[in-house]
């Protein structure tokens, strides 16, 4: 049976990939919850780190900016993962908007990876 589809929308690819991968489904479900918070984005980050075999989907600088900002109350106030911190605040904090983009890009790569595996390309 010929199952390869030449074109799929991002939504169709995401739905098929999420059906095939439980953790991706969890991550996409969290990402779809409004309002997005730094805590929710961090949960997605944890799921991606558990899934990834390498850190090739983002740079160490991006990951460091995201995690340091998410954890530090001076970067995200009461929404930060920690109420107090002994660390210096991030020199270049990642905003919530930039954090959404960062996590969104990682999710897109994860969807593409799972989709490729479903299509026999992975």
Protein backbone atom coordinates (compact mmCIF):
# COMPACT_ATOMS: atom_id res chain seq x y z
CA UNK A 1 0.00 0.00 0.00
CA UNK A 2 1.35 3.39 -0.97
CA UNK A 3 1.10 5.62 2.11
CA UNK A 4 3.49 8.44 1.31
CA UNK A 5 1.76 11.78 1.01
CA UNK A 6 3.57 14.45 -1.00
CA UNK A 7 2.20 17.38 0.93
CA UNK A 8 0.89 17.74 4.45
CA UNK A 9 0.09 20.88 6.37
CA UNK A 10 2.05 21.56 9.54
CA UNK A 11 -1.08 20.76 11.53
CA UNK A 12 -1.59 17.40 9.79
CA UNK A 13 2.06 16.50 10.31
CA UNK A 14 1.89 17.51 13.98
CA UNK A 15 -1.28 15.48 14.56
CA UNK A 16 0.16 12.35 12.92
CA UNK A 17 3.48 12.72 14.75
CA UNK A 18 1.74 13.30 18.09
CA UNK A 19 -0.36 10.19 17.56
CA UNK A 20 2.86 8.21 17.13
CA UNK A 21 4.86 9.71 20.01
CA UNK A 22 3.38 10.02 23.50
CA UNK A 23 5.90 12.57 24.79
CA UNK A 24 5.54 14.73 21.70
CA UNK A 25 1.78 14.61 22.20
CA UNK A 26 2.26 15.77 25.82
CA UNK A 27 4.59 18.58 24.72
CA UNK A 28 2.20 19.80 22.01
CA UNK A 29 -0.72 19.68 24.44
CA UNK A 30 1.18 21.84 26.94
CA UNK A 31 2.29 24.23 24.18
CA UNK A 32 -1.34 24.70 23.11
CA UNK A 33 -2.46 25.76 26.61
CA UNK A 34 -3.06 29.49 26.99
CA UNK A 35 -1.72 31.52 28.49
CA UNK A 36 1.74 30.18 27.87
CA UNK A 37 3.99 30.62 30.88
CA UNK A 38 7.68 30.11 31.39
CA UNK A 39 6.85 27.14 33.65
CA UNK A 40 4.84 25.42 30.91
CA UNK A 41 7.58 26.10 28.37
CA UNK A 42 10.14 24.61 30.77
CA UNK A 43 8.07 21.42 31.05
CA UNK A 44 8.19 21.12 27.27
CA UNK A 45 11.94 21.72 27.39
CA UNK A 46 12.29 18.84 29.86
CA UNK A 47 10.33 16.54 27.54
CA UNK A 48 12.50 17.50 24.58
CA UNK A 49 15.69 16.91 26.56
CA UNK A 50 14.47 13.45 27.53
CA UNK A 51 13.73 12.67 23.88
CA UNK A 52 16.81 14.13 22.21
CA UNK A 53 19.83 11.97 21.62
CA UNK A 54 21.98 15.07 21.02
CA UNK A 55 21.78 18.80 21.50
CA UNK A 56 21.87 19.49 17.77
CA UNK A 57 18.44 21.17 17.74
CA UNK A 58 19.68 24.24 19.61
CA UNK A 59 22.92 25.85 20.69
CA UNK A 60 24.29 25.58 24.20
CA UNK A 61 24.01 29.38 24.43
CA UNK A 62 20.28 29.25 23.62
CA UNK A 63 19.69 26.46 26.11
CA UNK A 64 21.66 28.32 28.78
CA UNK A 65 19.79 31.59 28.20
CA UNK A 66 16.46 29.77 28.33
CA UNK A 67 17.12 27.74 31.47
CA UNK A 68 18.86 30.55 33.38
CA UNK A 69 16.06 32.98 32.49
CA UNK A 70 13.29 30.49 33.29
CA UNK A 71 14.81 29.74 36.68
CA UNK A 72 15.64 33.28 37.78
CA UNK A 73 13.03 35.53 39.47
CA UNK A 74 14.68 38.68 38.13
CA UNK A 75 14.07 37.45 34.58
CA UNK A 76 10.48 36.18 34.94
CA UNK A 77 9.28 37.52 38.27
CA UNK A 78 6.69 35.40 40.03
CA UNK A 79 6.37 33.15 36.98
CA UNK A 80 10.01 32.05 37.28
CA UNK A 81 10.56 28.43 38.26
CA UNK A 82 12.31 29.54 41.47
CA UNK A 83 11.21 32.20 43.96
CA UNK A 84 14.79 32.95 45.03
CA UNK A 85 18.15 32.37 43.43
CA UNK A 86 21.74 32.46 44.60
CA UNK A 87 22.86 32.93 41.00
CA UNK A 88 23.43 36.24 39.31
CA UNK A 89 20.51 37.24 37.08
CA UNK A 90 21.03 36.44 33.41
CA UNK A 91 23.04 39.09 31.58
CA UNK A 92 20.88 38.63 28.49
CA UNK A 93 17.56 37.17 29.72
CA UNK A 94 15.32 35.36 27.27
CA UNK A 95 11.89 36.98 27.25
CA UNK A 96 8.69 34.96 27.34
CA UNK A 97 8.13 35.76 23.66
CA UNK A 98 11.63 34.61 22.71
CA UNK A 99 11.20 31.53 24.92
CA UNK A 100 8.01 30.65 23.03
CA UNK A 101 9.90 30.93 19.72
CA UNK A 102 12.80 28.86 21.05
CA UNK A 103 10.56 26.05 22.28
CA UNK A 104 8.33 26.30 19.19
CA UNK A 105 11.34 25.76 16.91
CA UNK A 106 12.42 22.71 18.88
CA UNK A 107 8.89 21.31 18.69
CA UNK A 108 8.83 21.83 14.92
CA UNK A 109 12.07 19.86 14.59
CA UNK A 110 10.70 17.10 16.81
CA UNK A 111 7.53 16.89 14.69
CA UNK A 112 9.64 16.75 11.52
CA UNK A 113 11.80 13.98 12.99
CA UNK A 114 8.83 11.84 14.00
CA UNK A 115 7.05 12.56 10.71
CA UNK A 116 10.15 11.54 8.76
CA UNK A 117 10.23 8.27 10.68
CA UNK A 118 6.58 7.64 9.83
CA UNK A 119 7.36 8.29 6.15
CA UNK A 120 10.38 6.02 6.16
CA UNK A 121 12.87 8.89 5.92
CA UNK A 122 14.18 8.72 9.51
